[in-house]
Amino acid sequence: MSIFSEDYYNKVDTEGQRLINIVLKNSQKMGVLIDDLLSFSKLGRKEMTKTNVSMKSIVLSVWEDLK
């Protein structure tokens, strides 16, 4: 947990706690996205290869994010 949530989580109402949880979850996702972008930038020097992708899993993942 972040310093903010450690200091204030129990001092706010349930709506505030819900919002803190959302911010924490989204900041973790942002960290993953940044790491992935850095990895992707390193791939610019490598040859691309084709691979099969499960569109169903991508759509379900996006759907869960949007709920």
C-alpha atoms as a PDB file:
ATOM      1  CA  MET A   1       0.000   0.000   0.000  1.00  0.00           C
ATOM      2  CA  SER A   2       1.114   3.521  -0.596  1.00  0.00           C
ATOM      3  CA  ILE A   3       1.987   5.983   2.124  1.00  0.00           C
ATOM      4  CA  PHE A   4      -1.206   7.912   1.334  1.00  0.00           C
ATOM      5  CA  SER A   5      -3.480   4.920   1.853  1.00  0.00           C
ATOM      6  CA  GLU A   6      -1.613   3.871   4.998  1.00  0.00           C
ATOM      7  CA  ASP A   7      -2.092   7.328   6.506  1.00  0.00           C
ATOM      8  CA  TYR A   8      -5.657   8.092   5.372  1.00  0.00           C
ATOM      9  CA  TYR A   9      -7.475   4.844   4.510  1.00  0.00           C
ATOM     10  CA  ASN A  10      -9.086   4.525   7.957  1.00  0.00           C
ATOM     11  CA  LYS A  11      -9.783   8.269   8.206  1.00  0.00           C
ATOM     12  CA  VAL A  12     -12.182   8.446   5.237  1.00  0.00           C
ATOM     13  CA  ASP A  13     -15.637   6.989   4.670  1.00  0.00           C
ATOM     14  CA  THR A  14     -16.380   3.963   2.501  1.00  0.00           C
ATOM     15  CA  GLU A  15     -16.592   6.064  -0.651  1.00  0.00           C
ATOM     16  CA  GLY A  16     -13.169   7.527   0.082  1.00  0.00           C
ATOM     17  CA  GLN A  17     -11.773   4.028   0.672  1.00  0.00           C
ATOM     18  CA  ARG A  18     -13.294   2.855  -2.599  1.00  0.00           C
ATOM     19  CA  LEU A  19     -11.670   5.755  -4.439  1.00  0.00           C
ATOM     20  CA  ILE A  20      -8.303   5.103  -2.782  1.00  0.00           C
ATOM     21  CA  ASN A  21      -8.534   1.468  -3.933  1.00  0.00           C
ATOM     22  CA  ILE A  22      -9.308   2.583  -7.483  1.00  0.00           C
ATOM     23  CA  VAL A  23      -6.342   4.959  -7.520  1.00  0.00           C
ATOM     24  CA  LEU A  24      -4.026   2.253  -6.160  1.00  0.00           C
ATOM     25  CA  LYS A  25      -5.246  -0.297  -8.715  1.00  0.00           C
ATOM     26  CA  ASN A  26      -4.894   2.137 -11.609  1.00  0.00           C
ATOM     27  CA  SER A  27      -1.448   3.305 -10.499  1.00  0.00           C
ATOM     28  CA  GLN A  28      -0.291  -0.321 -10.478  1.00  0.00           C
ATOM     29  CA  LYS A  29      -1.679  -0.745 -14.005  1.00  0.00           C
ATOM     30  CA  MET A  30       0.146   2.435 -15.052  1.00  0.00           C
ATOM     31  CA  GLY A  31       3.401   0.993 -13.729  1.00  0.00           C
ATOM     32  CA  VAL A  32       2.878  -2.153 -15.787  1.00  0.00           C
ATOM     33  CA  LEU A  33       2.063  -0.086 -18.888  1.00  0.00           C
ATOM     34  CA  ILE A  34       5.216   1.992 -18.456  1.00  0.00           C
ATOM     35  CA  ASP A  35       7.335  -1.135 -18.037  1.00  0.00           C
ATOM     36  CA  ASP A  36       5.712  -2.656 -21.134  1.00  0.00           C
ATOM     37  CA  LEU A  37       6.338   0.509 -23.152  1.00  0.00           C
ATOM     38  CA  LEU A  38       9.990   0.457 -22.145  1.00  0.00           C
ATOM     39  CA  SER A  39      10.232  -3.190 -23.201  1.00  0.00           C
ATOM     40  CA  PHE A  40       8.453  -2.412 -26.458  1.00  0.00           C
ATOM     41  CA  SER A  41      10.853   0.428 -27.221  1.00  0.00           C
ATOM     42  CA  LYS A  42      13.726  -2.055 -26.998  1.00  0.00           C
ATOM     43  CA  LEU A  43      11.993  -4.261 -29.591  1.00  0.00           C
ATOM     44  CA  GLY A  44      12.314  -1.540 -32.228  1.00  0.00           C
ATOM     45  CA  ARG A  45      15.719  -2.938 -33.110  1.00  0.00           C
ATOM     46  CA  LYS A  46      14.516  -6.526 -33.478  1.00  0.00           C
ATOM     47  CA  GLU A  47      12.680  -8.170 -36.348  1.00  0.00           C
ATOM     48  CA  MET A  48       8.949  -8.624 -35.759  1.00  0.00           C
ATOM     49  CA  THR A  49       7.441 -12.093 -35.871  1.00  0.00           C
ATOM     50  CA  LYS A  50       3.810 -13.056 -36.345  1.00  0.00           C
ATOM     51  CA  THR A  51       1.942 -14.922 -33.622  1.00  0.00           C
ATOM     52  CA  ASN A  52      -1.615 -16.009 -32.926  1.00  0.00           C
ATOM     53  CA  VAL A  53      -3.545 -13.919 -30.412  1.00  0.00           C
ATOM     54  CA  SER A  54      -6.698 -14.811 -28.526  1.00  0.00           C
ATOM     55  CA  MET A  55      -9.040 -11.966 -29.384  1.00  0.00           C
ATOM     56  CA  LYS A  56     -11.570 -13.331 -26.889  1.00  0.00           C
ATOM     57  CA  SER A  57      -9.146 -12.872 -23.978  1.00  0.00           C
ATOM     58  CA  ILE A  58      -8.275  -9.343 -25.135  1.00  0.00           C
ATOM     59  CA  VAL A  59     -11.941  -8.369 -25.404  1.00  0.00           C
ATOM     60  CA  LEU A  60     -12.734  -9.897 -21.993  1.00  0.00           C
ATOM     61  CA  SER A  61      -9.802  -8.043 -20.436  1.00  0.00           C
ATOM     62  CA  VAL A  62     -10.950  -4.722 -21.912  1.00  0.00           C
ATOM     63  CA  TRP A  63     -14.516  -5.440 -20.841  1.00  0.00           C
ATOM     64  CA  GLU A  64     -13.406  -6.067 -17.242  1.00  0.00           C
ATOM     65  CA  ASP A  65     -11.414  -2.804 -17.261  1.00  0.00           C
ATOM     66  CA  LEU A  66     -14.433  -0.850 -18.475  1.00  0.00           C
ATOM     67  CA  LYS A  67     -16.881  -2.301 -15.903  1.00  0.00           C
END
